[in-house]
Protein backbone atom coordinates (compact mmCIF):
# COMPACT_ATOMS: atom_id res chain seq x y z
CA MET A 1 220.37 85.77 155.45
CA ASP A 2 221.72 82.32 154.62
CA ILE A 3 223.50 81.79 157.95
CA ALA A 4 221.54 79.62 160.38
CA PRO A 5 221.66 80.59 164.06
CA ILE A 6 223.19 78.22 166.58
CA GLN A 7 220.61 75.86 168.06
CA ARG A 8 220.00 76.74 171.69
CA LYS A 9 217.73 75.93 174.59
CA VAL A 10 215.65 79.07 175.20
CA LEU A 11 213.55 79.67 178.31
CA TYR A 12 210.90 82.06 176.95
CA VAL A 13 209.49 84.29 179.71
CA ALA A 14 206.33 86.12 178.66
CA ASP A 15 202.63 86.64 179.24
CA LEU A 16 201.50 83.94 176.83
CA LYS A 17 197.84 84.85 176.56
CA PHE A 18 195.65 83.97 173.58
CA GLY A 19 196.21 86.34 170.69
CA GLY A 20 199.26 87.95 172.23
CA THR A 21 202.25 88.67 170.01
CA ALA A 22 204.64 87.06 172.52
CA THR A 23 203.11 83.70 171.60
CA TYR A 24 203.84 84.40 167.93
CA ARG A 25 207.49 85.14 168.71
CA LEU A 26 207.78 81.96 170.76
CA GLU A 27 206.57 79.91 167.79
CA ALA A 28 208.93 81.79 165.46
CA MET A 29 211.79 80.73 167.72
CA ARG A 30 210.74 77.13 167.27
CA ARG A 31 210.57 77.56 163.50
CA LEU A 32 214.16 78.82 163.71
CA GLY A 33 215.24 75.53 165.24
CA GLN A 34 215.47 76.60 168.87
CA GLU A 35 214.39 74.35 171.73
CA VAL A 36 211.89 76.64 173.45
CA ILE A 37 210.54 76.18 176.97
CA PRO A 38 207.64 78.55 177.76
CA PHE A 39 207.43 80.24 181.16
CA ASN A 40 204.37 82.39 181.88
CA PRO A 41 204.89 84.49 185.04
CA ALA A 42 201.15 85.12 185.25
CA MET A 43 200.74 81.46 186.28
CA TYR A 44 202.59 82.21 189.52
CA GLN A 45 200.92 85.48 190.46
CA SER A 46 197.60 86.21 192.09
CA GLN A 47 194.84 86.82 189.53
CA SER A 48 192.77 88.85 191.99
CA PRO A 49 191.84 92.08 190.12
CA LEU A 50 192.76 94.18 193.15
CA LEU A 51 196.14 92.49 193.67
CA ALA A 52 196.87 92.51 189.94
CA LYS A 53 196.31 96.26 189.80
CA LEU A 54 198.44 96.80 192.88
CA ARG A 55 201.21 94.61 191.44
CA TYR A 56 201.10 96.56 188.16
CA TYR A 57 202.12 99.75 189.94
CA TYR A 58 204.16 98.20 192.75
CA PRO A 59 205.86 95.04 191.42
CA VAL A 60 207.96 94.39 194.55
CA GLY A 61 208.26 92.05 197.51
CA PRO A 62 205.62 89.37 198.07
CA MET A 63 203.68 90.65 195.05
CA VAL A 64 206.31 89.21 192.69
CA SER A 65 208.37 86.79 194.79
CA ALA A 66 206.60 83.63 193.58
CA ALA A 67 207.26 84.42 189.90
CA ASN A 68 210.92 85.16 190.63
CA GLU A 69 211.52 82.05 192.70
CA THR A 70 209.70 79.77 190.26
CA LEU A 71 211.66 81.19 187.33
CA LEU A 72 214.94 80.50 189.11
CA LYS A 73 213.81 76.93 189.76
CA ALA A 74 213.07 76.58 186.02
CA VAL A 75 216.51 77.94 185.16
CA HIS A 76 218.26 75.44 187.44
CA GLU A 77 216.05 72.58 186.21
CA HIS A 78 216.23 73.20 182.45
CA LYS A 79 219.70 74.82 182.26
CA PRO A 80 218.82 77.05 179.28
CA ASP A 81 221.43 78.75 177.13
CA VAL A 82 219.26 81.86 176.88
CA VAL A 83 216.51 83.31 179.03
CA TRP A 84 214.38 85.53 176.78
CA PHE A 85 212.23 88.10 178.58
CA ASP A 86 209.26 89.59 176.74
CA LYS A 87 208.25 92.79 178.59
CA PRO A 88 209.79 91.86 181.97
CA LEU A 89 207.91 93.76 184.66
CA VAL A 90 208.34 91.65 187.80
CA PHE A 91 211.88 90.26 187.74
CA THR A 92 214.40 91.58 190.22
CA PRO A 93 218.12 92.33 189.91
CA ARG A 94 218.79 89.38 192.24
CA THR A 95 216.99 87.07 189.78
CA MET A 96 218.94 88.47 186.84
CA ARG A 97 222.25 87.95 188.62
CA GLU A 98 221.39 84.39 189.60
CA ILE A 99 220.40 83.56 186.01
CA LYS A 100 223.76 84.82 184.81
CA ALA A 101 225.56 82.88 187.56
CA ALA A 102 223.81 79.76 186.26
CA GLY A 103 225.48 80.32 182.87
CA ALA A 104 222.53 81.61 180.81
CA ARG A 105 222.49 84.76 178.71
CA THR A 106 219.58 87.16 179.02
CA VAL A 107 217.67 88.98 176.28
CA CYS A 108 215.12 91.76 176.83
CA TYR A 109 212.38 92.38 174.24
CA ASN A 110 209.98 95.28 174.89
CA GLN A 111 207.28 96.35 172.46
CA ASP A 112 206.19 99.05 174.92
CA ASN A 113 208.45 101.92 175.89
CA PRO A 114 209.72 102.14 179.48
CA PHE A 115 211.34 105.53 178.83
CA GLY A 116 208.68 107.39 176.83
CA PRO A 117 206.25 110.08 177.98
CA ARG A 118 203.22 107.78 178.30
CA ASN A 119 204.06 106.97 181.91
CA ASP A 120 202.42 103.55 182.04
CA GLY A 121 203.35 103.21 185.71
CA CYS A 122 204.39 99.56 185.53
CA TRP A 123 208.15 99.84 185.08
CA MET A 124 209.38 100.22 188.68
CA GLN A 125 211.08 96.82 188.82
CA PHE A 126 212.31 97.05 185.24
CA TYR A 127 214.18 100.27 186.01
CA ARG A 128 216.12 98.36 188.68
CA ALA A 129 217.06 95.46 186.43
CA TYR A 130 217.37 96.64 182.82
CA LYS A 131 221.10 97.35 182.90
CA LEU A 132 221.77 93.69 183.73
CA PHE A 133 220.51 92.20 180.43
CA ASP A 134 223.05 90.82 177.98
CA LEU A 135 221.13 92.11 174.96
CA HIS A 136 218.24 94.53 174.41
CA CYS A 137 215.99 94.38 171.32
CA LEU A 138 215.03 97.93 170.36
CA VAL A 139 212.01 98.54 168.11
CA ARG A 140 211.92 102.36 168.13
CA THR A 141 214.40 104.89 166.83
CA ALA A 142 214.09 107.07 169.94
CA ASP A 143 215.71 104.36 172.05
CA THR A 144 218.96 104.10 170.11
CA PRO A 145 220.70 107.23 171.51
CA ARG A 146 219.66 106.26 175.04
CA TYR A 147 221.23 102.83 174.89
CA LEU A 148 224.33 104.20 173.19
CA GLU A 149 224.72 106.76 175.98
CA TRP A 150 224.23 104.07 178.63
CA ASN A 151 226.69 101.79 176.81
CA LEU A 152 224.21 98.91 176.91
CA PRO A 153 224.28 96.07 174.35
CA PHE A 154 221.42 96.24 171.84
CA ILE A 155 220.21 95.33 168.39
CA LYS A 156 217.80 97.55 166.45
CA ILE A 157 214.98 95.43 165.06
CA GLN A 158 211.38 96.36 164.23
CA PHE A 159 207.77 95.55 164.86
CA SER A 160 206.95 92.51 162.76
CA TYR A 161 204.11 90.34 161.53
CA ASP A 162 203.78 86.61 161.97
CA PRO A 163 203.67 84.57 158.75
CA ALA A 164 201.59 81.82 160.38
CA VAL A 165 198.90 84.33 161.39
CA HIS A 166 199.05 87.26 158.98
CA PHE A 167 198.59 86.12 155.39
CA PRO A 168 196.32 87.01 152.42
CA PRO A 169 192.69 85.92 152.04
CA PRO A 170 191.74 82.85 150.03
CA SER A 171 191.69 82.95 146.26
CA GLY A 172 188.67 84.73 144.84
CA TRP A 173 188.33 87.25 147.68
CA SER A 174 187.00 90.53 146.29
CA ASP A 175 185.41 93.82 147.25
CA SER A 176 182.08 92.07 147.69
CA ASP A 177 183.64 90.30 150.69
CA ARG A 178 184.87 93.57 152.18
CA THR A 179 182.02 94.62 154.44
CA ARG A 180 184.09 97.16 156.38
CA ALA A 181 184.74 100.31 154.34
CA LEU A 182 187.03 102.70 156.25
CA SER A 183 188.23 100.51 159.09
CA PHE A 184 190.26 100.92 162.24
CA ILE A 185 191.13 97.96 164.47
CA GLY A 186 192.82 99.10 167.65
CA THR A 187 192.62 101.28 170.75
CA PRO A 188 191.99 105.02 171.26
CA TYR A 189 195.52 106.12 172.14
CA ASP A 190 196.58 109.73 171.67
CA GLN A 191 194.09 111.74 169.58
CA ARG A 192 192.67 108.87 167.53
CA ALA A 193 189.14 109.08 168.90
CA GLN A 194 188.61 112.67 167.76
CA PHE A 195 190.43 112.07 164.46
CA LEU A 196 188.22 109.11 163.58
CA ARG A 197 185.04 110.84 164.68
CA THR A 198 185.94 113.79 162.45
CA LEU A 199 186.37 111.45 159.47
CA ALA A 200 182.91 110.01 160.10
CA GLU A 201 180.96 113.11 161.04
CA SER A 202 182.66 116.02 159.25
CA TYR A 203 183.64 114.11 156.11
CA LYS A 204 180.76 111.59 156.12
CA LEU A 205 183.00 108.59 155.61
CA PRO A 206 181.72 105.05 156.39
CA LEU A 207 183.78 104.37 159.50
CA VAL A 208 183.93 101.00 161.30
CA ILE A 209 185.92 100.50 164.53
CA SER A 210 186.83 97.38 166.48
CA GLY A 211 188.82 97.43 169.69
CA ASP A 212 188.90 97.83 173.44
CA ARG A 213 188.53 100.95 175.62
CA TRP A 214 186.38 102.90 173.19
CA GLU A 215 183.67 103.23 175.84
CA LYS A 216 186.12 105.52 177.64
CA ALA A 217 186.57 107.66 174.53
CA TYR A 218 183.03 107.99 173.17
CA PRO A 219 179.62 108.61 174.72
CA PRO A 220 177.13 105.75 174.26
CA GLU A 221 175.42 107.22 171.20
CA VAL A 222 178.74 107.67 169.34
CA LEU A 223 179.96 104.25 170.45
CA ALA A 224 176.84 102.65 169.00
CA LYS A 225 177.34 104.33 165.62
CA TYR A 226 180.92 103.37 164.90
CA VAL A 227 182.27 100.67 167.23
CA VAL A 228 181.05 97.26 166.07
CA SER A 229 183.10 94.97 168.33
CA GLY A 230 185.74 94.74 170.98
CA SER A 231 189.27 93.53 170.43
CA LEU A 232 189.82 91.11 167.54
CA LYS A 233 192.32 88.29 168.06
CA GLU A 234 194.05 85.70 165.90
CA ALA A 235 191.78 84.59 163.00
CA GLU A 236 189.15 87.22 163.84
CA TYR A 237 191.76 89.97 163.59
CA ARG A 238 193.05 88.64 160.27
CA ARG A 239 189.52 88.36 158.92
CA GLY A 240 188.73 91.90 160.09
CA ILE A 241 191.69 93.14 158.04
CA TRP A 242 190.60 91.09 155.03
CA GLN A 243 187.07 92.48 155.29
CA SER A 244 188.28 96.10 155.26
CA LYS A 245 188.52 98.06 152.05
CA ILE A 246 190.82 100.55 153.78
CA ASN A 247 192.79 99.72 156.92
CA LEU A 248 193.84 102.77 158.93
CA ALA A 249 197.03 102.82 160.99
CA PHE A 250 198.44 105.49 163.28
CA VAL A 251 201.53 105.56 165.51
CA THR A 252 201.42 105.87 169.28
CA ARG A 253 203.18 109.19 169.76
CA SER A 254 202.98 108.86 173.53
CA ASN A 255 205.03 105.68 173.17
CA GLU A 256 207.55 107.37 170.84
CA ASP A 257 206.69 104.90 168.06
CA ASP A 258 207.74 105.80 164.52
CA VAL A 259 205.87 102.96 162.84
CA ALA A 260 202.62 101.13 163.59
CA HIS A 261 202.93 97.44 164.42
CA LYS A 262 199.69 96.83 162.54
CA ALA A 263 201.14 98.42 159.38
CA PHE A 264 203.19 95.25 158.86
CA GLU A 265 200.31 92.96 159.84
CA ILE A 266 197.91 94.73 157.44
CA THR A 267 200.26 94.59 154.46
CA ALA A 268 201.21 90.97 155.24
CA CYS A 269 197.48 90.15 155.05
CA GLY A 270 197.44 91.50 151.49
CA ALA A 271 195.24 94.43 152.54
CA PHE A 272 195.26 98.13 151.71
CA LEU A 273 197.11 100.32 154.23
CA LEU A 274 196.32 103.99 154.82
CA ALA A 275 198.76 105.11 157.52
CA LEU A 276 200.05 108.22 159.19
CA ARG A 277 202.98 109.61 157.23
CA THR A 278 206.12 109.13 159.33
CA PRO A 279 209.79 108.61 158.45
CA GLY A 280 209.45 105.00 159.59
CA HIS A 281 206.45 104.25 157.38
CA ARG A 282 208.03 105.97 154.40
CA ALA A 283 211.18 103.92 154.86
CA ALA A 284 209.20 100.68 155.10
CA PHE A 285 206.88 101.21 152.12
CA GLU A 286 207.04 103.21 148.91
CA GLU A 287 204.37 105.89 149.19
CA ASP A 288 201.38 105.57 146.84
CA ARG A 289 202.80 102.36 145.39
CA GLU A 290 202.96 99.94 148.35
CA ALA A 291 200.93 101.93 150.90
CA VAL A 292 199.23 105.31 151.13
CA PHE A 293 199.97 107.92 153.80
CA PHE A 294 198.39 111.03 155.29
CA SER A 295 199.57 113.88 157.52
CA THR A 296 196.27 115.59 158.36
CA VAL A 297 192.66 114.60 158.81
CA GLU A 298 191.82 116.46 155.60
CA GLU A 299 194.38 114.49 153.61
CA CYS A 300 193.24 111.24 155.20
CA ALA A 301 189.63 111.95 154.26
CA GLU A 302 190.54 112.89 150.69
CA LYS A 303 192.58 109.73 150.14
CA ALA A 304 190.04 107.49 151.84
CA ARG A 305 187.27 108.80 149.62
CA TYR A 306 189.41 108.37 146.50
CA TYR A 307 190.47 104.80 147.20
CA LEU A 308 187.03 103.70 148.31
CA ASP A 309 185.96 104.62 144.77
CA HIS A 310 188.97 103.05 142.99
CA ALA A 311 189.05 99.38 143.90
CA VAL A 312 191.46 98.32 141.14
CA GLU A 313 194.13 100.81 142.25
CA ARG A 314 193.52 99.90 145.86
CA GLU A 315 194.02 96.19 145.25
CA ALA A 316 197.20 96.77 143.23
CA ILE A 317 198.71 98.82 146.05
CA ALA A 318 197.70 96.16 148.59
CA GLN A 319 199.36 93.44 146.51
CA ARG A 320 202.59 95.43 146.21
CA GLY A 321 202.50 96.16 149.94
CA ARG A 322 202.29 92.42 150.63
CA GLU A 323 205.20 91.75 148.29
CA ARG A 324 207.30 94.40 150.04
CA ALA A 325 206.52 93.05 153.51
CA VAL A 326 207.64 89.57 152.48
CA ALA A 327 210.67 90.56 150.40
CA SER A 328 212.00 92.98 153.02
CA GLY A 329 211.71 90.54 155.91
CA TYR A 330 209.15 92.36 158.03
CA ASP A 331 208.25 89.06 159.70
CA ASN A 332 208.99 87.56 163.12
CA ASP A 333 211.25 84.84 161.75
CA THR A 334 213.56 87.32 160.01
CA GLN A 335 213.69 89.73 162.94
CA LEU A 336 214.28 87.06 165.59
CA LYS A 337 216.87 85.36 163.42
CA ARG A 338 218.79 88.65 163.47
CA VAL A 339 218.66 88.63 167.28
CA LEU A 340 219.87 85.03 167.51
CA LEU A 341 222.69 85.74 165.08
CA LYS A 342 223.65 88.75 167.20
CA LEU A 343 224.03 86.34 170.14
CA ASP A 344 226.26 84.27 167.83
CA GLY A 345 228.43 87.33 167.24
CA VAL A 346 227.07 87.93 163.72
CA ASP A 347 225.81 91.44 162.91
CA THR A 348 223.15 91.69 160.20
CA PRO A 349 221.84 94.82 158.46
CA PRO A 350 218.43 96.18 159.54
CA THR A 351 215.53 95.49 157.21
CA ILE A 352 214.40 99.13 157.24
C-alpha cells in the first residue's frame, strides 16, 4: 500500500503493561505518523486484588467511574481525532456518546472474543457499549457474519507480529544455540495440556514448556518435568522462540480463533513453526514449504520427530516462513495502516 494515512491525533486507550501487545500497536501507530497519546485505564482503578476481581466481573458504577471520568477529561483536554480502544471493558455508553459529541471517532480493537463460547465473564459493560463504536477491528472469521447481521461498521484484519520485537536471531545462529527441542510458549487453553503431555510421555519427545497457569493443568511432578519457566515477555519471548528447534502453535477453539497469534510472531522471528492445521493457517502459509501443520497428536509427533532430525530442511522452511510473513504484511504496521486508511474512506484488500 503506497497511500499514506491521514495524520491524526489518537488517544490510545489500553492496558499498557510491559510485554503486552497493545503497547506494540501503540508504537506502530507512531511509526505510521500518528500523534499518539497513551491512556491506561488501570492507572485510575483500584489495584486491590479483591476489587480488581470484582471489577472484572461487575465493571459498573463506582468500580469504573474514575476511569470513565478521567478519560472524558483527557478527551476534552487533548481534543483527539480518534479514540482507539484496545479491549474496552470498563467504558460506559454515556462515555462513548460524550466522546462522539466532542467530535472524536471511536475504534474498537479486541484480540479476545466477547461473543465466543469461552465465557470470560468480563464483557458486561462492553455488551452495553459496543454498538456505539464507529469502527470495529475484527481478527476472527467467526465475527464477520455477526457484525454484518448487526449492520455494524468493521474491517477484517488479523493477528499480527511487531517488527520492532519479532525479528530473526543474529547472524551465525545455529542448531547449537537451540537448547529447546520441541517447544511450546503459551498457556494451557482448551486441550493443550493433555496433548503436550501425550507428545512427551507416549511419543517420548523432548518437550519444553514456558508459560503461566500450568500449575493448574499439571500435578507438581509433571510440572517439574516439562515446564521450565513462567510467561516470557519481550526479548525473553523472542529469545525463547530463537532457542527452539520446533515452535508449536495451536488455536484457541474456545475463543473461536482460526489462527494462532504466535504463528505470525514465530515465523517473523525466523523460526520453525509446527501449527495446528486450520483454514486460517493454510491460507497464511504454504504447507510444508513455509510452515508445517498437524491435525492429530499422532501426526504432530511424527512431524516433530522428523524435523528434529532434519535441521537443514527445518531451517529452509523457517526462512521461507519469515519471508512470507514479511512479504504478506503480517505485521502491526501493515494491519493498522489498513485500519487508518479505512477511517480515511479507503478500503484495502486483506492480507490473508
